[in-house]
Amino acid sequence: MRSIERHDVDLTSANTLGLPCRAERVVTVSQREQIVSLMQQGAGHQDTLTILSGGSNLILPEYLPGLTLCPQLNYWWLELRGEDALVHVGAGVVWHHLVMSLAQAGWWGTENLALIPGHSGAAPVQNIGAYGVELAELLESVTVVHVEDGATQMLAATDCGFGYRESIFKGELDGRVIITDLVLRVGRRSRARLDYGDLAHRVSAEPTPLEVAEAVCAVRREKLPDPEVLGNAGSFFKNPVVAADIAERLLDEYPGMPHFPQGNGRTKLAAGWLIDRCGLKGWRNGNFGVHERQALVLVHHGGGSAGELLAFAAEVASRVEQCFGIVLEREPRLA
């Protein structure tokens, strides 16, 4: 199958924020070998190379020069290993569809990560996580293609520099590799993680993976807007991780503040709670707003641009810093 090339392409519907964007040149591929060939031909040496997959964690400008590469590597299969299995996943697989397929088949591991938007290839970049589980706990390896020369490399999970919403793909390999495949480990034995929020009260005493996944979906739908209805990129800010003494100072003033000790002398705080305490939940300024049910989510009501969004987000972060002395860090990446 040949790659598909288009010019002057409208990408407004290709990002979940619904930001207006036109791309100079878009190439869609369905096989890793096509990416290798493009990079070997020097496509990675364009003035600008942008990788666009699900567009769920990306802030697009009004114009993207150079090459925008859209990997649609839509395949996955299981390699059985006793009561465990390795899941080989192409970067273009919709993450939520993969999670639900595995849960329906009775495989434990990914169920707490249900309904996270985007494609599988983006998952290692952010080290996606939800309800007490992070991708790093499940990941065996990542296969990448190097932009410089088209060389293919498999990285073990231990080589990916994972941290809270961090990875080597946001650090030294940012812009230097294209993720094409993941390998995850899942199992038949129960791994139910129900200690986050009220998940335990939403499932039976001995839940199935599907039951947990459906409970996670229910919680997320109650709190989070559907990007097909109201443009958003999910959580816009990372939950800040601060020194324990800072957390203790804030707890003296706000005893009910959500906080999560990290076991390394630091404490994770809830960015949504901080924003809410500033009176910003439901606040709107022009085309952007803070979601009325989840203050961690910034929403696009239509007609706005990336510049307006960043200015709005900066105002939210500024008010939190003024109130709490805590600096919020943006989660979506700039294209």
C-alpha atoms as a PDB file:
ATOM      1  CA  MET A   1       0.000   0.000   0.000  1.00  0.00           C
ATOM      2  CA  ARG A   2       1.360   3.400  -0.997  1.00  0.00           C
ATOM      3  CA  SER A   3       1.509   6.456   1.209  1.00  0.00           C
ATOM      4  CA  ILE A   4      -0.972   9.253   0.490  1.00  0.00           C
ATOM      5  CA  GLU A   5       0.277  12.797  -0.012  1.00  0.00           C
ATOM      6  CA  ARG A   6      -1.901  15.936   0.095  1.00  0.00           C
ATOM      7  CA  HIS A   7      -1.180  19.653   0.041  1.00  0.00           C
ATOM      8  CA  ASP A   8      -2.783  22.651   1.779  1.00  0.00           C
ATOM      9  CA  VAL A   9      -4.797  20.445   4.131  1.00  0.00           C
ATOM     10  CA  ASP A  10      -7.324  21.655   6.715  1.00  0.00           C
ATOM     11  CA  LEU A  11      -6.465  19.977  10.042  1.00  0.00           C
ATOM     12  CA  THR A  12      -9.161  21.629  12.161  1.00  0.00           C
ATOM     13  CA  SER A  13     -10.994  18.339  12.613  1.00  0.00           C
ATOM     14  CA  ALA A  14      -7.730  16.435  13.165  1.00  0.00           C
ATOM     15  CA  ASN A  15      -7.118  17.843  16.659  1.00  0.00           C
ATOM     16  CA  THR A  16      -9.470  17.342  19.593  1.00  0.00           C
ATOM     17  CA  LEU A  17      -9.202  21.004  20.614  1.00  0.00           C
ATOM     18  CA  GLY A  18     -10.748  21.931  17.268  1.00  0.00           C
ATOM     19  CA  LEU A  19      -8.147  24.636  16.651  1.00  0.00           C
ATOM     20  CA  PRO A  20      -8.058  25.967  13.071  1.00  0.00           C
ATOM     21  CA  CYS A  21      -4.945  24.797  11.256  1.00  0.00           C
ATOM     22  CA  ARG A  22      -3.802  24.332   7.674  1.00  0.00           C
ATOM     23  CA  ALA A  23      -0.811  22.177   6.780  1.00  0.00           C
ATOM     24  CA  GLU A  24       1.480  22.771   3.830  1.00  0.00           C
ATOM     25  CA  ARG A  25       2.012  19.061   3.098  1.00  0.00           C
ATOM     26  CA  VAL A  26       0.473  15.977   4.727  1.00  0.00           C
ATOM     27  CA  VAL A  27       1.651  12.408   4.141  1.00  0.00           C
ATOM     28  CA  THR A  28      -0.401   9.503   5.517  1.00  0.00           C
ATOM     29  CA  VAL A  29       1.280   6.121   5.932  1.00  0.00           C
ATOM     30  CA  SER A  30      -0.011   2.721   7.026  1.00  0.00           C
ATOM     31  CA  GLN A  31       3.237   0.747   7.359  1.00  0.00           C
ATOM     32  CA  ARG A  32       6.448   1.262   9.301  1.00  0.00           C
ATOM     33  CA  GLU A  33       8.473   0.614   6.140  1.00  0.00           C
ATOM     34  CA  GLN A  34       6.906   3.698   4.537  1.00  0.00           C
ATOM     35  CA  ILE A  35       8.142   5.851   7.406  1.00  0.00           C
ATOM     36  CA  VAL A  36      11.615   4.301   7.097  1.00  0.00           C
ATOM     37  CA  SER A  37      11.644   5.056   3.364  1.00  0.00           C
ATOM     38  CA  LEU A  38      10.528   8.666   3.850  1.00  0.00           C
ATOM     39  CA  MET A  39      13.214   9.316   6.434  1.00  0.00           C
ATOM     40  CA  GLN A  40      15.891   7.640   4.291  1.00  0.00           C
ATOM     41  CA  GLN A  41      14.859   9.951   1.443  1.00  0.00           C
ATOM     42  CA  GLY A  42      15.518  12.949   3.679  1.00  0.00           C
ATOM     43  CA  ALA A  43      11.932  13.833   4.580  1.00  0.00           C
ATOM     44  CA  GLY A  44      13.043  14.290   8.172  1.00  0.00           C
ATOM     45  CA  HIS A  45      15.322  17.133   7.123  1.00  0.00           C
ATOM     46  CA  GLN A  46      12.432  19.375   6.119  1.00  0.00           C
ATOM     47  CA  ASP A  47      12.382  22.795   7.789  1.00  0.00           C
ATOM     48  CA  THR A  48       9.496  21.454   9.857  1.00  0.00           C
ATOM     49  CA  LEU A  49       8.445  17.867  10.579  1.00  0.00           C
ATOM     50  CA  THR A  50       5.280  17.384  12.604  1.00  0.00           C
ATOM     51  CA  ILE A  51       3.911  14.002  13.684  1.00  0.00           C
ATOM     52  CA  LEU A  52       0.115  14.048  13.908  1.00  0.00           C
ATOM     53  CA  SER A  53      -1.785  10.968  15.002  1.00  0.00           C
ATOM     54  CA  GLY A  54      -4.897  11.258  17.165  1.00  0.00           C
ATOM     55  CA  GLY A  55      -4.349  14.967  17.807  1.00  0.00           C
ATOM     56  CA  SER A  56      -5.593  14.603  21.390  1.00  0.00           C
ATOM     57  CA  ASN A  57      -2.637  16.127  23.225  1.00  0.00           C
ATOM     58  CA  LEU A  58      -1.418  18.651  20.700  1.00  0.00           C
ATOM     59  CA  ILE A  59      -1.850  22.400  20.269  1.00  0.00           C
ATOM     60  CA  LEU A  60      -1.758  23.202  16.564  1.00  0.00           C
ATOM     61  CA  PRO A  61      -0.822  26.617  15.150  1.00  0.00           C
ATOM     62  CA  GLU A  62      -2.883  28.233  12.405  1.00  0.00           C
ATOM     63  CA  TYR A  63      -0.341  27.090   9.805  1.00  0.00           C
ATOM     64  CA  LEU A  64       2.010  24.095   9.740  1.00  0.00           C
ATOM     65  CA  PRO A  65       4.844  24.499   7.205  1.00  0.00           C
ATOM     66  CA  GLY A  66       6.893  21.609   5.879  1.00  0.00           C
ATOM     67  CA  LEU A  67       5.825  17.992   6.307  1.00  0.00           C
ATOM     68  CA  THR A  68       3.086  16.714   8.585  1.00  0.00           C
ATOM     69  CA  LEU A  69       3.346  12.942   8.888  1.00  0.00           C
ATOM     70  CA  CYS A  70       0.238  10.971   9.884  1.00  0.00           C
ATOM     71  CA  PRO A  71       1.096   7.368  10.865  1.00  0.00           C
ATOM     72  CA  GLN A  72      -1.986   5.149  10.634  1.00  0.00           C
ATOM     73  CA  LEU A  73      -0.386   1.888  11.762  1.00  0.00           C
ATOM     74  CA  ASN A  74      -3.666   0.271  12.716  1.00  0.00           C
ATOM     75  CA  TYR A  75      -2.879  -3.305  13.808  1.00  0.00           C
ATOM     76  CA  TRP A  76      -2.394  -5.291  16.991  1.00  0.00           C
ATOM     77  CA  TRP A  77      -2.031  -8.926  18.022  1.00  0.00           C
ATOM     78  CA  LEU A  78      -1.374 -11.098  21.068  1.00  0.00           C
ATOM     79  CA  GLU A  79       1.678 -13.235  21.762  1.00  0.00           C
ATOM     80  CA  LEU A  80       0.539 -15.748  24.387  1.00  0.00           C
ATOM     81  CA  ARG A  81       2.925 -16.573  27.249  1.00  0.00           C
ATOM     82  CA  GLY A  82       1.148 -18.849  29.702  1.00  0.00           C
ATOM     83  CA  GLU A  83      -1.202 -16.764  31.849  1.00  0.00           C
ATOM     84  CA  ASP A  84       0.338 -13.601  30.427  1.00  0.00           C
ATOM     85  CA  ALA A  85       0.431 -12.180  26.931  1.00  0.00           C
ATOM     86  CA  LEU A  86       2.453  -9.608  25.067  1.00  0.00           C
ATOM     87  CA  VAL A  87       0.285  -7.181  23.102  1.00  0.00           C
ATOM     88  CA  HIS A  88       1.971  -5.910  19.941  1.00  0.00           C
ATOM     89  CA  VAL A  89       0.341  -2.601  19.011  1.00  0.00           C
ATOM     90  CA  GLY A  90       0.741  -0.296  16.015  1.00  0.00           C
ATOM     91  CA  ALA A  91       1.010   3.410  16.805  1.00  0.00           C
ATOM     92  CA  GLY A  92      -2.202   4.211  14.925  1.00  0.00           C
ATOM     93  CA  VAL A  93      -4.489   2.017  17.043  1.00  0.00           C
ATOM     94  CA  VAL A  94      -7.075   4.049  18.970  1.00  0.00           C
ATOM     95  CA  TRP A  95      -6.020   3.586  22.590  1.00  0.00           C
ATOM     96  CA  HIS A  96      -9.509   3.268  24.063  1.00  0.00           C
ATOM     97  CA  HIS A  97     -10.519   0.667  21.478  1.00  0.00           C
ATOM     98  CA  LEU A  98      -7.475  -1.408  22.404  1.00  0.00           C
ATOM     99  CA  VAL A  99      -8.231  -1.158  26.131  1.00  0.00           C
ATOM    100  CA  MET A 100     -11.845  -2.222  25.700  1.00  0.00           C
ATOM    101  CA  SER A 101     -10.933  -5.109  23.392  1.00  0.00           C
ATOM    102  CA  LEU A 102      -8.446  -6.441  25.934  1.00  0.00           C
ATOM    103  CA  ALA A 103     -10.898  -5.981  28.815  1.00  0.00           C
ATOM    104  CA  GLN A 104     -13.683  -7.765  26.934  1.00  0.00           C
ATOM    105  CA  ALA A 105     -11.309 -10.667  26.305  1.00  0.00           C
ATOM    106  CA  GLY A 106     -10.544 -10.921  30.035  1.00  0.00           C
ATOM    107  CA  TRP A 107      -7.006  -9.522  30.016  1.00  0.00           C
ATOM    108  CA  TRP A 108      -5.921  -7.470  33.054  1.00  0.00           C
ATOM    109  CA  GLY A 109      -3.568  -4.505  32.900  1.00  0.00           C
ATOM    110  CA  THR A 110      -4.936  -1.638  30.829  1.00  0.00           C
ATOM    111  CA  GLU A 111      -8.502  -1.345  32.200  1.00  0.00           C
ATOM    112  CA  ASN A 112      -7.822   1.720  34.395  1.00  0.00           C
ATOM    113  CA  LEU A 113      -6.620   3.559  31.294  1.00  0.00           C
ATOM    114  CA  ALA A 114      -9.967   3.298  29.485  1.00  0.00           C
ATOM    115  CA  LEU A 115     -11.393   6.293  27.608  1.00  0.00           C
ATOM    116  CA  ILE A 116      -8.086   8.152  27.440  1.00  0.00           C
ATOM    117  CA  PRO A 117      -8.314   9.829  24.016  1.00  0.00           C
ATOM    118  CA  GLY A 118      -5.725   9.496  21.294  1.00  0.00           C
ATOM    119  CA  HIS A 119      -3.762   6.804  19.527  1.00  0.00           C
ATOM    120  CA  SER A 120      -1.409   4.264  21.045  1.00  0.00           C
ATOM    121  CA  GLY A 121       1.744   5.844  19.643  1.00  0.00           C
ATOM    122  CA  ALA A 122       1.229   8.930  21.798  1.00  0.00           C
ATOM    123  CA  ALA A 123       0.862   6.920  25.009  1.00  0.00           C
ATOM    124  CA  PRO A 124       4.601   6.558  25.822  1.00  0.00           C
ATOM    125  CA  VAL A 125       5.332  10.228  25.095  1.00  0.00           C
ATOM    126  CA  GLN A 126       3.228  11.391  28.043  1.00  0.00           C
ATOM    127  CA  ASN A 127       3.491   8.127  29.992  1.00  0.00           C
ATOM    128  CA  ILE A 128      -0.296   8.281  30.156  1.00  0.00           C
ATOM    129  CA  GLY A 129      -1.891   7.436  33.462  1.00  0.00           C
ATOM    130  CA  ALA A 130      -5.244   7.394  35.229  1.00  0.00           C
ATOM    131  CA  TYR A 131      -6.844   6.003  38.380  1.00  0.00           C
ATOM    132  CA  GLY A 132      -3.608   4.839  39.951  1.00  0.00           C
ATOM    133  CA  VAL A 133      -2.032   3.198  36.875  1.00  0.00           C
ATOM    134  CA  GLU A 134       0.642   4.482  34.482  1.00  0.00           C
ATOM    135  CA  LEU A 135       1.595   3.088  31.087  1.00  0.00           C
ATOM    136  CA  ALA A 136       5.171   2.516  32.313  1.00  0.00           C
ATOM    137  CA  GLU A 137       3.879  -0.306  34.548  1.00  0.00           C
ATOM    138  CA  LEU A 138       2.596  -2.243  31.524  1.00  0.00           C
ATOM    139  CA  LEU A 139       5.048  -1.370  28.797  1.00  0.00           C
ATOM    140  CA  GLU A 140       7.689  -3.833  27.630  1.00  0.00           C
ATOM    141  CA  SER A 141       9.174  -1.953  24.690  1.00  0.00           C
ATOM    142  CA  VAL A 142       8.751   0.811  22.119  1.00  0.00           C
ATOM    143  CA  THR A 143       9.878   0.623  18.495  1.00  0.00           C
ATOM    144  CA  VAL A 144      10.960   3.869  16.862  1.00  0.00           C
ATOM    145  CA  VAL A 145      12.253   5.096  13.521  1.00  0.00           C
ATOM    146  CA  HIS A 146      15.025   7.685  13.655  1.00  0.00           C
ATOM    147  CA  VAL A 147      14.294  10.884  11.746  1.00  0.00           C
ATOM    148  CA  GLU A 148      17.959  11.398  10.852  1.00  0.00           C
ATOM    149  CA  ASP A 149      18.467   8.240   8.796  1.00  0.00           C
ATOM    150  CA  GLY A 150      15.385   5.990   8.991  1.00  0.00           C
ATOM    151  CA  ALA A 151      17.097   3.488  11.302  1.00  0.00           C
ATOM    152  CA  THR A 152      14.714   1.323  13.343  1.00  0.00           C
ATOM    153  CA  GLN A 153      15.364   0.766  17.048  1.00  0.00           C
ATOM    154  CA  MET A 154      13.582  -1.072  19.853  1.00  0.00           C
ATOM    155  CA  LEU A 155      13.780   0.567  23.267  1.00  0.00           C
ATOM    156  CA  ALA A 156      13.066  -1.369  26.453  1.00  0.00           C
ATOM    157  CA  ALA A 157      10.688   0.339  28.864  1.00  0.00           C
ATOM    158  CA  THR A 158      13.619   0.875  31.237  1.00  0.00           C
ATOM    159  CA  ASP A 159      15.342   2.955  28.533  1.00  0.00           C
ATOM    160  CA  CYS A 160      12.406   5.330  28.091  1.00  0.00           C
ATOM    161  CA  GLY A 161      13.079   7.607  31.054  1.00  0.00           C
ATOM    162  CA  PHE A 162       9.540   7.403  32.361  1.00  0.00           C
ATOM    163  CA  GLY A 163       8.331   9.718  35.100  1.00  0.00           C
ATOM    164  CA  TYR A 164       5.087  11.473  35.889  1.00  0.00           C
ATOM    165  CA  ARG A 165       3.882  12.552  32.432  1.00  0.00           C
ATOM    166  CA  GLU A 166       7.490  12.405  31.281  1.00  0.00           C
ATOM    167  CA  SER A 167       9.594  10.259  28.976  1.00  0.00           C
ATOM    168  CA  ILE A 168      12.707  10.316  26.842  1.00  0.00           C
ATOM    169  CA  PHE A 169      10.411  11.173  23.925  1.00  0.00           C
ATOM    170  CA  LYS A 170       9.811  14.587  25.493  1.00  0.00           C
ATOM    171  CA  GLY A 171      13.508  14.920  26.326  1.00  0.00           C
ATOM    172  CA  GLU A 172      16.560  13.914  24.342  1.00  0.00           C
ATOM    173  CA  LEU A 173      14.581  12.052  21.664  1.00  0.00           C
ATOM    174  CA  ASP A 174      12.018  14.817  21.140  1.00  0.00           C
ATOM    175  CA  GLY A 175      11.777  15.421  17.399  1.00  0.00           C
ATOM    176  CA  ARG A 176      14.417  12.800  16.697  1.00  0.00           C
ATOM    177  CA  VAL A 177      12.318   9.629  16.508  1.00  0.00           C
ATOM    178  CA  ILE A 178       8.875   8.494  15.351  1.00  0.00           C
ATOM    179  CA  ILE A 179       7.120   5.888  17.502  1.00  0.00           C
ATOM    180  CA  THR A 180       5.721   3.061  15.366  1.00  0.00           C
ATOM    181  CA  ASP A 181       4.979   0.156  17.730  1.00  0.00           C
ATOM    182  CA  LEU A 182       4.466  -0.723  21.400  1.00  0.00           C
ATOM    183  CA  VAL A 183       4.591  -4.003  23.295  1.00  0.00           C
ATOM    184  CA  LEU A 184       2.473  -4.260  26.462  1.00  0.00           C
ATOM    185  CA  ARG A 185       2.230  -7.073  29.000  1.00  0.00           C
ATOM    186  CA  VAL A 186      -1.219  -8.153  30.195  1.00  0.00           C
ATOM    187  CA  GLY A 187      -2.347 -11.126  32.271  1.00  0.00           C
ATOM    188  CA  ARG A 188      -5.228 -13.418  33.207  1.00  0.00           C
ATOM    189  CA  ARG A 189      -4.786 -13.100  36.970  1.00  0.00           C
ATOM    190  CA  SER A 190      -6.750 -10.301  38.613  1.00  0.00           C
ATOM    191  CA  ARG A 191      -4.836  -7.042  38.940  1.00  0.00           C
ATOM    192  CA  ALA A 192      -7.777  -4.900  39.988  1.00  0.00           C
ATOM    193  CA  ARG A 193      -6.596  -1.456  41.137  1.00  0.00           C
ATOM    194  CA  LEU A 194      -9.588   0.146  42.823  1.00  0.00           C
ATOM    195  CA  ASP A 195      -8.017   2.402  45.424  1.00  0.00           C
ATOM    196  CA  TYR A 196      -8.478   5.596  43.412  1.00  0.00           C
ATOM    197  CA  GLY A 197     -11.642   7.644  43.890  1.00  0.00           C
ATOM    198  CA  ASP A 198     -14.812   5.617  44.256  1.00  0.00           C
ATOM    199  CA  LEU A 199     -13.969   2.869  41.750  1.00  0.00           C
ATOM    200  CA  ALA A 200     -14.320   0.148  44.410  1.00  0.00           C
ATOM    201  CA  HIS A 201     -17.928   1.194  45.039  1.00  0.00           C
ATOM    202  CA  ARG A 202     -18.807   0.961  41.345  1.00  0.00           C
ATOM    203  CA  VAL A 203     -17.831  -2.673  40.799  1.00  0.00           C
ATOM    204  CA  SER A 204     -18.616  -6.072  42.296  1.00  0.00           C
ATOM    205  CA  ALA A 205     -16.505  -7.799  44.966  1.00  0.00           C
ATOM    206  CA  GLU A 206     -14.621  -9.757  42.300  1.00  0.00           C
ATOM    207  CA  PRO A 207     -14.828  -7.596  39.170  1.00  0.00           C
ATOM    208  CA  THR A 208     -13.780  -8.510  35.666  1.00  0.00           C
ATOM    209  CA  PRO A 209     -11.428  -6.302  33.652  1.00  0.00           C
ATOM    210  CA  LEU A 210     -14.421  -5.167  31.582  1.00  0.00           C
ATOM    211  CA  GLU A 211     -16.342  -4.203  34.715  1.00  0.00           C
ATOM    212  CA  VAL A 212     -13.452  -2.039  35.901  1.00  0.00           C
ATOM    213  CA  ALA A 213     -12.998  -0.477  32.457  1.00  0.00           C
ATOM    214  CA  GLU A 214     -16.693   0.373  32.257  1.00  0.00           C
ATOM    215  CA  ALA A 215     -16.589   1.903  35.747  1.00  0.00           C
ATOM    216  CA  VAL A 216     -13.619   4.049  34.720  1.00  0.00           C
ATOM    217  CA  CYS A 217     -15.514   5.141  31.599  1.00  0.00           C
ATOM    218  CA  ALA A 218     -18.550   6.082  33.695  1.00  0.00           C
ATOM    219  CA  VAL A 219     -16.434   8.211  36.043  1.00  0.00           C
ATOM    220  CA  ARG A 220     -14.660   9.945  33.187  1.00  0.00           C
ATOM    221  CA  ARG A 221     -17.903  10.678  31.335  1.00  0.00           C
ATOM    222  CA  GLU A 222     -19.382  12.209  34.478  1.00  0.00           C
ATOM    223  CA  LYS A 223     -16.446  14.589  34.826  1.00  0.00           C
ATOM    224  CA  LEU A 224     -14.975  15.157  31.387  1.00  0.00           C
ATOM    225  CA  PRO A 225     -16.432  16.712  28.222  1.00  0.00           C
ATOM    226  CA  ASP A 226     -16.606  14.736  24.985  1.00  0.00           C
ATOM    227  CA  PRO A 227     -14.106  16.367  22.576  1.00  0.00           C
ATOM    228  CA  GLU A 228     -16.476  15.644  19.692  1.00  0.00           C
ATOM    229  CA  VAL A 229     -19.013  17.912  21.392  1.00  0.00           C
ATOM    230  CA  LEU A 230     -16.768  20.467  23.118  1.00  0.00           C
ATOM    231  CA  GLY A 231     -13.175  20.887  22.009  1.00  0.00           C
ATOM    232  CA  ASN A 232     -10.584  19.945  24.623  1.00  0.00           C
ATOM    233  CA  ALA A 233      -7.301  18.101  25.128  1.00  0.00           C
ATOM    234  CA  GLY A 234      -8.239  16.376  28.367  1.00  0.00           C
ATOM    235  CA  SER A 235      -6.160  17.457  31.361  1.00  0.00           C
ATOM    236  CA  PHE A 236      -4.494  20.715  30.368  1.00  0.00           C
ATOM    237  CA  PHE A 237      -2.153  20.967  33.354  1.00  0.00           C
ATOM    238  CA  LYS A 238      -0.019  18.390  35.116  1.00  0.00           C
ATOM    239  CA  ASN A 239      -0.737  17.728  38.756  1.00  0.00           C
ATOM    240  CA  PRO A 240       2.159  19.559  40.450  1.00  0.00           C
ATOM    241  CA  VAL A 241       4.594  17.535  42.551  1.00  0.00           C
ATOM    242  CA  VAL A 242       6.038  19.629  45.373  1.00  0.00           C
ATOM    243  CA  ALA A 243       8.357  19.244  48.345  1.00  0.00           C
ATOM    244  CA  ALA A 244       6.672  17.780  51.419  1.00  0.00           C
ATOM    245  CA  ASP A 245       7.156  20.968  53.451  1.00  0.00           C
ATOM    246  CA  ILE A 246       5.300  23.003  50.826  1.00  0.00           C
ATOM    247  CA  ALA A 247       2.444  20.509  50.910  1.00  0.00           C
ATOM    248  CA  GLU A 248       2.391  20.635  54.715  1.00  0.00           C
ATOM    249  CA  ARG A 249       2.226  24.427  54.672  1.00  0.00           C
ATOM    250  CA  LEU A 250      -0.723  24.359  52.298  1.00  0.00           C
ATOM    251  CA  LEU A 251      -2.442  21.635  54.324  1.00  0.00           C
ATOM    252  CA  ASP A 252      -2.233  23.797  57.428  1.00  0.00           C
ATOM    253  CA  GLU A 253      -4.229  26.420  55.555  1.00  0.00           C
ATOM    254  CA  TYR A 254      -6.426  24.044  53.536  1.00  0.00           C
ATOM    255  CA  PRO A 255      -6.886  20.831  55.591  1.00  0.00           C
ATOM    256  CA  GLY A 256      -9.171  19.281  52.968  1.00  0.00           C
ATOM    257  CA  MET A 257      -6.733  19.751  50.085  1.00  0.00           C
ATOM    258  CA  PRO A 258      -6.263  16.532  48.059  1.00  0.00           C
ATOM    259  CA  HIS A 259      -2.669  15.371  48.297  1.00  0.00           C
ATOM    260  CA  PHE A 260      -0.829  12.191  47.395  1.00  0.00           C
ATOM    261  CA  PRO A 261       2.543  11.420  49.067  1.00  0.00           C
ATOM    262  CA  GLN A 262       4.987  10.058  46.497  1.00  0.00           C
ATOM    263  CA  GLY A 263       7.336   8.196  48.833  1.00  0.00           C
ATOM    264  CA  ASN A 264      10.356  10.279  47.799  1.00  0.00           C
ATOM    265  CA  GLY A 265       9.876  13.238  50.095  1.00  0.00           C
ATOM    266  CA  ARG A 266       7.545  14.893  47.624  1.00  0.00           C
ATOM    267  CA  THR A 267       3.783  15.204  47.377  1.00  0.00           C
ATOM    268  CA  LYS A 268       1.514  15.348  44.356  1.00  0.00           C
ATOM    269  CA  LEU A 269      -1.255  17.954  44.459  1.00  0.00           C
ATOM    270  CA  ALA A 270      -4.464  18.102  42.417  1.00  0.00           C
ATOM    271  CA  ALA A 271      -4.188  20.888  39.837  1.00  0.00           C
ATOM    272  CA  GLY A 272      -7.935  20.819  39.272  1.00  0.00           C
ATOM    273  CA  TRP A 273      -8.566  21.487  42.976  1.00  0.00           C
ATOM    274  CA  LEU A 274      -6.130  24.406  42.969  1.00  0.00           C
ATOM    275  CA  ILE A 275      -7.850  25.950  39.927  1.00  0.00           C
ATOM    276  CA  ASP A 276     -11.268  25.391  41.458  1.00  0.00           C
ATOM    277  CA  ARG A 277     -10.203  27.051  44.726  1.00  0.00           C
ATOM    278  CA  CYS A 278      -9.269  30.121  42.706  1.00  0.00           C
ATOM    279  CA  GLY A 279     -12.916  30.350  41.667  1.00  0.00           C
ATOM    280  CA  LEU A 280     -12.143  29.505  38.048  1.00  0.00           C
ATOM    281  CA  LYS A 281     -14.281  26.418  37.488  1.00  0.00           C
ATOM    282  CA  GLY A 282     -16.725  27.357  34.725  1.00  0.00           C
ATOM    283  CA  TRP A 283     -14.912  30.644  34.021  1.00  0.00           C
ATOM    284  CA  ARG A 284     -14.941  31.712  30.382  1.00  0.00           C
ATOM    285  CA  ASN A 285     -13.032  34.436  28.594  1.00  0.00           C
ATOM    286  CA  GLY A 286     -13.809  34.781  24.904  1.00  0.00           C
ATOM    287  CA  ASN A 287     -13.609  31.489  23.030  1.00  0.00           C
ATOM    288  CA  PHE A 288     -12.045  29.447  25.831  1.00  0.00           C
ATOM    289  CA  GLY A 289     -13.107  28.399  29.287  1.00  0.00           C
ATOM    290  CA  VAL A 290     -12.471  26.183  32.298  1.00  0.00           C
ATOM    291  CA  HIS A 291     -14.832  23.233  32.213  1.00  0.00           C
ATOM    292  CA  GLU A 292     -17.755  23.524  34.596  1.00  0.00           C
ATOM    293  CA  ARG A 293     -17.340  19.989  36.018  1.00  0.00           C
ATOM    294  CA  GLN A 294     -13.560  19.472  35.885  1.00  0.00           C
ATOM    295  CA  ALA A 295     -11.352  22.506  36.375  1.00  0.00           C
ATOM    296  CA  LEU A 296      -8.312  20.647  35.030  1.00  0.00           C
ATOM    297  CA  VAL A 297      -9.844  20.724  31.540  1.00  0.00           C
ATOM    298  CA  LEU A 298      -9.755  23.828  29.361  1.00  0.00           C
ATOM    299  CA  VAL A 299     -12.418  23.864  26.648  1.00  0.00           C
ATOM    300  CA  HIS A 300     -12.720  25.527  23.254  1.00  0.00           C
ATOM    301  CA  HIS A 301     -16.167  26.933  22.524  1.00  0.00           C
ATOM    302  CA  GLY A 302     -15.240  27.582  18.893  1.00  0.00           C
ATOM    303  CA  GLY A 303     -13.700  30.404  16.903  1.00  0.00           C
ATOM    304  CA  GLY A 304     -10.462  30.578  18.891  1.00  0.00           C
ATOM    305  CA  SER A 305      -6.806  30.111  17.977  1.00  0.00           C
ATOM    306  CA  ALA A 306      -3.755  28.531  19.579  1.00  0.00           C
ATOM    307  CA  GLY A 307      -2.499  31.948  20.637  1.00  0.00           C
ATOM    308  CA  GLU A 308      -5.749  32.735  22.448  1.00  0.00           C
ATOM    309  CA  LEU A 309      -5.704  29.341  24.162  1.00  0.00           C
ATOM    310  CA  LEU A 310      -2.164  29.803  25.428  1.00  0.00           C
ATOM    311  CA  ALA A 311      -3.003  33.274  26.731  1.00  0.00           C
ATOM    312  CA  PHE A 312      -6.070  31.915  28.518  1.00  0.00           C
ATOM    313  CA  ALA A 313      -4.062  29.054  30.024  1.00  0.00           C
ATOM    314  CA  ALA A 314      -1.364  31.488  31.162  1.00  0.00           C
ATOM    315  CA  GLU A 315      -4.005  33.529  32.998  1.00  0.00           C
ATOM    316  CA  VAL A 316      -5.317  30.416  34.772  1.00  0.00           C
ATOM    317  CA  ALA A 317      -1.781  29.398  35.783  1.00  0.00           C
ATOM    318  CA  SER A 318      -0.997  32.947  36.935  1.00  0.00           C
ATOM    319  CA  ARG A 319      -3.981  33.042  39.267  1.00  0.00           C
ATOM    320  CA  VAL A 320      -3.026  29.689  40.792  1.00  0.00           C
ATOM    321  CA  GLU A 321       0.527  30.903  41.357  1.00  0.00           C
ATOM    322  CA  GLN A 322      -0.715  34.120  42.952  1.00  0.00           C
ATOM    323  CA  CYS A 323      -3.027  32.212  45.289  1.00  0.00           C
ATOM    324  CA  PHE A 324      -0.891  29.194  46.213  1.00  0.00           C
ATOM    325  CA  GLY A 325       2.656  29.899  45.043  1.00  0.00           C
ATOM    326  CA  ILE A 326       2.416  26.783  42.856  1.00  0.00           C
ATOM    327  CA  VAL A 327       3.507  26.879  39.197  1.00  0.00           C
ATOM    328  CA  LEU A 328       1.333  24.785  36.873  1.00  0.00           C
ATOM    329  CA  GLU A 329       2.913  23.089  33.872  1.00  0.00           C
ATOM    330  CA  ARG A 330       1.061  22.606  30.596  1.00  0.00           C
ATOM    331  CA  GLU A 331       0.395  19.006  29.534  1.00  0.00           C
ATOM    332  CA  PRO A 332      -0.527  19.276  25.785  1.00  0.00           C
ATOM    333  CA  ARG A 333       2.442  19.764  23.514  1.00  0.00           C
ATOM    334  CA  LEU A 334       2.946  22.562  20.985  1.00  0.00           C
ATOM    335  CA  ALA A 335       3.237  21.397  17.382  1.00  0.00           C
END
